Amino acid sequence: MQPYFHLFGLEVPAYGVMMVLGGLAAVLLVLTRRKQYPVGRVDAVNLLALCTVGALAGAKALYVLTVLPDIFSHWDRVLANPMGAVSYALGGLVFYGGVLGALGVGAWYIRKYRLDFPASADLFAPAIPAAQAIGRVGCFLGGCCYGVEAAWGFTAHASLAPDANGVPRVPVQLIESVCDLLICLALLWYERRHPKRGRVFAMYLLLYAPVRFVLEFFRGDALRGIAMGVSTSQWISVLLFGVGLVMFQGRRQRTADSGQRTGG
């Protein structure tokens, strides 16, 4: 693990650096592909800014919701050290919360300024896994989002795991990073082969949701919200996969109906 980079005599958190690099990759992907979609430069930049704020707020909010049960179950510790409890509650981010937060503010902006929602969603779709692919490397370097113990893997001396020293763990962060990169490339290929509005974003949901659902079983950090044996992110994965399926089939049906009207 490498929780800090040493740059110009300063210790810079590796997680923060990778988050910034991931954000820059997302910006470049959106701006370089913008002309393929009916989204103006100003609207694209505004959406990038608003979605970034929404993503951070949503990621923080969902993290707080996942740790609230743990906080309430140790209320005596909260009363003894309230500032420590506040620091604990605000100390992390949940990716899916970021996706939902970005979607919320993005949908508000698109509706307010009457933009094409399917086209706007497709424009941003490959940028999401691109940013996350880099961000997950930051998770690995910083030691968060660590995997379960295994006979193979990385010994996370700098991990946030309570039993980090000398315990090999599944590098679930790096596995997800590779999956995100492959998803990003698949989406870029797909938008060239099937340039139908709304399909690229739907395909993102259909590809990422199963990956996240499976990888959650290999996560070793317990405080992710567990209900009926599965985590909060797994429940959201099921929901978003269903949304993606409806979107994909809906666009497919509209295309078929349009073709029938044209042919008739």
Protein backbone atom coordinates (compact mmCIF):
# COMPACT_ATOMS: atom_id res chain seq x y z
CA MET A 1 0.00 0.00 0.00
CA GLN A 2 1.07 3.58 -0.62
CA PRO A 3 -1.27 5.88 1.33
CA TYR A 4 0.80 8.98 0.53
CA PHE A 5 2.73 10.31 -2.43
CA HIS A 6 5.76 12.45 -1.67
CA LEU A 7 5.64 15.41 -4.06
CA PHE A 8 7.87 18.48 -3.74
CA GLY A 9 8.55 17.67 -0.12
CA LEU A 10 4.88 17.27 0.74
CA GLU A 11 2.87 14.22 1.74
CA VAL A 12 -0.17 14.08 -0.54
CA PRO A 13 -2.91 11.47 0.11
CA ALA A 14 -2.84 8.91 -2.69
CA TYR A 15 -6.61 8.46 -2.48
CA GLY A 16 -7.17 12.17 -3.12
CA VAL A 17 -4.73 12.22 -6.02
CA MET A 18 -6.43 9.28 -7.71
CA MET A 19 -9.86 10.83 -7.14
CA VAL A 20 -8.71 13.98 -8.92
CA LEU A 21 -7.18 11.98 -11.78
CA GLY A 22 -10.39 9.98 -12.09
CA GLY A 23 -12.39 13.20 -12.27
CA LEU A 24 -10.09 14.57 -14.97
CA ALA A 25 -10.47 11.37 -16.99
CA ALA A 26 -14.26 11.73 -16.78
CA VAL A 27 -14.11 15.36 -17.91
CA LEU A 28 -11.90 14.48 -20.89
CA LEU A 29 -14.17 11.64 -21.96
CA VAL A 30 -17.24 13.85 -21.83
CA LEU A 31 -15.74 16.87 -23.60
CA THR A 32 -13.97 14.90 -26.34
CA ARG A 33 -17.14 12.96 -27.20
CA ARG A 34 -19.62 15.80 -26.76
CA LYS A 35 -20.07 16.55 -30.46
CA GLN A 36 -21.51 13.07 -30.99
CA TYR A 37 -24.51 14.13 -28.90
CA PRO A 38 -26.94 17.08 -28.97
CA VAL A 39 -25.45 18.59 -25.81
CA GLY A 40 -23.83 22.04 -25.94
CA ARG A 41 -20.45 22.79 -24.39
CA VAL A 42 -21.94 25.04 -21.71
CA ASP A 43 -24.51 22.42 -20.75
CA ALA A 44 -21.86 19.70 -20.70
CA VAL A 45 -19.62 21.76 -18.39
CA ASN A 46 -22.55 22.70 -16.14
CA LEU A 47 -23.61 19.07 -15.91
CA LEU A 48 -20.06 18.01 -15.06
CA ALA A 49 -19.88 20.55 -12.24
CA LEU A 50 -23.34 19.80 -10.86
CA CYS A 51 -22.93 16.03 -11.11
CA THR A 52 -19.60 16.24 -9.28
CA VAL A 53 -21.23 18.09 -6.39
CA GLY A 54 -24.21 15.74 -6.43
CA ALA A 55 -21.93 12.70 -6.51
CA LEU A 56 -19.92 13.84 -3.49
CA ALA A 57 -23.06 14.72 -1.53
CA GLY A 58 -24.78 11.45 -2.43
CA ALA A 59 -21.72 9.33 -1.68
CA LYS A 60 -21.36 10.95 1.73
CA ALA A 61 -25.09 10.69 2.52
CA LEU A 62 -25.28 6.98 1.70
CA TYR A 63 -22.17 6.29 3.78
CA VAL A 64 -23.76 8.02 6.76
CA LEU A 65 -26.91 5.93 6.32
CA THR A 66 -24.90 2.69 6.26
CA VAL A 67 -23.03 3.47 9.50
CA LEU A 68 -26.00 4.85 11.46
CA PRO A 69 -27.03 1.39 12.77
CA ASP A 70 -23.52 0.86 14.13
CA ILE A 71 -23.56 4.30 15.75
CA PHE A 72 -26.93 3.72 17.40
CA SER A 73 -25.84 0.30 18.67
CA HIS A 74 -22.90 1.94 20.47
CA TRP A 75 -24.71 5.00 21.76
CA ASP A 76 -22.73 4.99 25.00
CA ARG A 77 -19.54 5.59 23.01
CA VAL A 78 -21.23 8.39 21.09
CA LEU A 79 -22.16 10.15 24.32
CA ALA A 80 -18.64 9.68 25.66
CA ASN A 81 -17.00 11.05 22.49
CA PRO A 82 -19.52 12.91 20.29
CA MET A 83 -16.90 14.50 18.04
CA GLY A 84 -15.33 11.12 17.41
CA ALA A 85 -18.72 9.78 16.37
CA VAL A 86 -19.22 12.71 13.99
CA SER A 87 -15.78 12.10 12.49
CA TYR A 88 -16.60 8.41 12.08
CA ALA A 89 -19.96 9.14 10.45
CA LEU A 90 -18.42 11.54 7.94
CA GLY A 91 -15.29 9.51 7.24
CA GLY A 92 -16.19 7.66 4.06
CA LEU A 93 -17.94 7.60 0.70
CA VAL A 94 -20.19 5.05 -1.02
CA PHE A 95 -19.94 4.88 -4.81
CA TYR A 96 -23.59 4.10 -5.46
CA GLY A 97 -24.61 7.09 -3.38
CA GLY A 98 -22.48 9.18 -5.73
CA VAL A 99 -24.20 7.69 -8.78
CA LEU A 100 -27.65 8.39 -7.35
CA GLY A 101 -26.69 11.90 -6.28
CA ALA A 102 -25.26 12.72 -9.71
CA LEU A 103 -28.34 11.28 -11.42
CA GLY A 104 -30.60 13.37 -9.23
CA VAL A 105 -29.00 16.75 -9.92
CA GLY A 106 -28.32 15.80 -13.54
CA ALA A 107 -31.98 14.93 -14.11
CA TRP A 108 -33.02 18.23 -12.50
CA TYR A 109 -30.74 20.23 -14.80
CA ILE A 110 -31.78 18.30 -17.91
CA ARG A 111 -35.45 18.84 -17.16
CA LYS A 112 -35.02 22.51 -16.27
CA TYR A 113 -33.20 23.30 -19.50
CA ARG A 114 -35.11 20.77 -21.61
CA LEU A 115 -32.14 18.72 -22.74
CA ASP A 116 -32.34 15.25 -24.27
CA PHE A 117 -32.11 12.93 -21.25
CA PRO A 118 -31.16 9.71 -23.10
CA ALA A 119 -28.46 11.53 -25.08
CA SER A 120 -27.09 13.27 -21.98
CA ALA A 121 -27.03 10.01 -20.04
CA ASP A 122 -25.20 8.26 -22.88
CA LEU A 123 -22.65 11.07 -23.05
CA PHE A 124 -21.78 10.62 -19.39
CA ALA A 125 -22.05 6.82 -19.20
CA PRO A 126 -18.45 5.82 -20.15
CA ALA A 127 -17.07 8.57 -17.91
CA ILE A 128 -18.47 6.88 -14.80
CA PRO A 129 -16.46 3.62 -15.00
CA ALA A 130 -13.41 5.54 -16.25
CA ALA A 131 -13.41 7.70 -13.12
CA GLN A 132 -14.10 4.73 -10.87
CA ALA A 133 -11.34 2.62 -12.44
CA ILE A 134 -8.81 5.22 -11.33
CA GLY A 135 -10.55 5.92 -8.04
CA ARG A 136 -10.43 2.26 -7.03
CA VAL A 137 -6.66 2.30 -7.43
CA GLY A 138 -6.76 5.10 -4.87
CA CYS A 139 -8.80 2.85 -2.59
CA PHE A 140 -6.15 0.16 -2.92
CA LEU A 141 -3.30 2.57 -2.21
CA GLY A 142 -5.13 4.12 0.73
CA GLY A 143 -6.18 0.77 2.19
CA CYS A 144 -9.95 1.31 2.19
CA CYS A 145 -12.64 -0.92 0.63
CA TYR A 146 -10.38 -3.87 1.39
CA GLY A 147 -11.12 -7.48 0.55
CA VAL A 148 -11.69 -10.55 2.69
CA GLU A 149 -8.82 -12.60 4.08
CA ALA A 150 -7.42 -15.12 1.64
CA ALA A 151 -4.55 -17.54 1.20
CA TRP A 152 -3.41 -15.30 -1.66
CA GLY A 153 -3.53 -11.58 -2.22
CA PHE A 154 -1.83 -8.49 -0.86
CA THR A 155 -0.63 -8.04 2.69
CA ALA A 156 -2.13 -4.67 3.49
CA HIS A 157 0.21 -3.13 6.03
CA ALA A 158 -1.30 0.30 5.39
CA SER A 159 -4.88 -0.95 5.23
CA LEU A 160 -7.67 0.42 7.36
CA ALA A 161 -8.55 -3.15 8.27
CA PRO A 162 -8.26 -3.71 12.04
CA ASP A 163 -6.08 -6.81 11.52
CA ALA A 164 -4.11 -5.50 8.56
CA ASN A 165 -0.54 -6.41 9.42
CA GLY A 166 0.54 -9.69 7.88
CA VAL A 167 -2.95 -10.66 6.70
CA PRO A 168 -3.23 -11.29 2.93
CA ARG A 169 -6.47 -10.01 1.43
CA VAL A 170 -8.22 -10.27 -1.91
CA PRO A 171 -7.32 -7.11 -3.89
CA VAL A 172 -10.99 -6.46 -4.60
CA GLN A 173 -10.25 -2.79 -5.32
CA LEU A 174 -7.91 -3.65 -8.18
CA ILE A 175 -10.28 -6.30 -9.52
CA GLU A 176 -13.06 -3.74 -9.64
CA SER A 177 -10.72 -1.24 -11.26
CA VAL A 178 -9.98 -3.67 -14.09
CA CYS A 179 -13.68 -4.46 -14.49
CA ASP A 180 -14.50 -0.73 -14.66
CA LEU A 181 -11.86 -0.19 -17.31
CA LEU A 182 -13.26 -3.05 -19.39
CA ILE A 183 -16.78 -1.67 -18.99
CA CYS A 184 -15.63 1.76 -20.13
CA LEU A 185 -14.00 0.30 -23.25
CA ALA A 186 -17.08 -1.83 -23.94
CA LEU A 187 -19.33 1.23 -23.75
CA LEU A 188 -17.11 3.22 -26.11
CA TRP A 189 -17.21 0.33 -28.57
CA TYR A 190 -20.94 -0.11 -28.14
CA GLU A 191 -21.82 3.55 -28.80
CA ARG A 192 -20.07 3.35 -32.17
CA ARG A 193 -21.75 0.10 -33.18
CA HIS A 194 -25.23 0.91 -31.83
CA PRO A 195 -25.73 4.70 -31.79
CA LYS A 196 -29.27 4.60 -30.41
CA ARG A 197 -30.05 7.11 -27.68
CA GLY A 198 -30.37 5.73 -24.18
CA ARG A 199 -28.73 2.39 -24.93
CA VAL A 200 -25.21 3.25 -23.71
CA PHE A 201 -26.32 4.31 -20.24
CA ALA A 202 -28.64 1.32 -19.99
CA MET A 203 -25.74 -0.93 -20.98
CA TYR A 204 -23.60 0.61 -18.24
CA LEU A 205 -26.18 -0.33 -15.63
CA LEU A 206 -26.51 -3.84 -17.05
CA LEU A 207 -22.73 -4.39 -17.00
CA TYR A 208 -21.73 -2.75 -13.72
CA ALA A 209 -24.57 -3.90 -11.46
CA PRO A 210 -23.72 -7.65 -11.69
CA VAL A 211 -20.00 -6.92 -11.24
CA ARG A 212 -20.64 -4.91 -8.09
CA PHE A 213 -23.11 -7.48 -6.76
CA VAL A 214 -20.56 -10.30 -7.04
CA LEU A 215 -17.58 -8.30 -5.77
CA GLU A 216 -19.49 -7.31 -2.64
CA PHE A 217 -19.14 -10.91 -1.46
CA PHE A 218 -15.36 -10.44 -1.44
CA ARG A 219 -15.35 -7.19 0.52
CA GLY A 220 -13.92 -7.41 4.01
CA ASP A 221 -15.11 -4.08 5.41
CA ALA A 222 -18.28 -4.99 7.28
CA LEU A 223 -19.89 -1.56 7.70
CA ARG A 224 -21.69 -1.41 4.33
CA GLY A 225 -25.23 -1.92 5.53
CA ILE A 226 -26.48 -5.50 5.61
CA ALA A 227 -30.13 -6.46 5.16
CA MET A 228 -31.36 -10.03 4.59
CA GLY A 229 -27.78 -11.21 4.12
CA VAL A 230 -26.77 -8.78 1.39
CA SER A 231 -25.26 -5.31 1.49
CA THR A 232 -26.82 -1.98 0.63
CA SER A 233 -24.81 -1.87 -2.59
CA GLN A 234 -26.10 -5.30 -3.58
CA TRP A 235 -29.69 -4.18 -3.13
CA ILE A 236 -28.96 -1.09 -5.21
CA SER A 237 -27.28 -3.30 -7.84
CA VAL A 238 -30.47 -5.34 -8.18
CA LEU A 239 -32.54 -2.16 -8.49
CA LEU A 240 -30.27 -0.54 -11.07
CA PHE A 241 -30.00 -3.71 -13.11
CA GLY A 242 -33.79 -3.71 -13.34
CA VAL A 243 -33.77 -0.03 -14.34
CA GLY A 244 -31.15 -0.74 -16.99
CA LEU A 245 -33.17 -3.64 -18.36
CA VAL A 246 -36.31 -1.50 -18.58
CA MET A 247 -34.39 1.32 -20.27
CA PHE A 248 -32.74 -1.02 -22.76
CA GLN A 249 -35.95 -2.81 -23.65
CA GLY A 250 -37.85 0.49 -23.77
CA ARG A 251 -35.45 2.02 -26.27
CA ARG A 252 -35.52 -1.23 -28.26
CA GLN A 253 -39.32 -1.16 -28.40
CA ARG A 254 -39.39 2.49 -29.47
CA THR A 255 -36.93 1.73 -32.25
CA ALA A 256 -39.06 -1.19 -33.43
CA ASP A 257 -42.25 0.90 -33.34
CA SER A 258 -40.54 3.70 -35.28
CA GLY A 259 -39.38 1.21 -37.91
CA GLN A 260 -42.88 -0.19 -38.30
CA ARG A 261 -44.37 3.27 -38.78
CA THR A 262 -41.72 4.15 -41.35
CA GLY A 263 -42.18 0.87 -43.22
CA GLY A 264 -45.99 1.17 -43.17
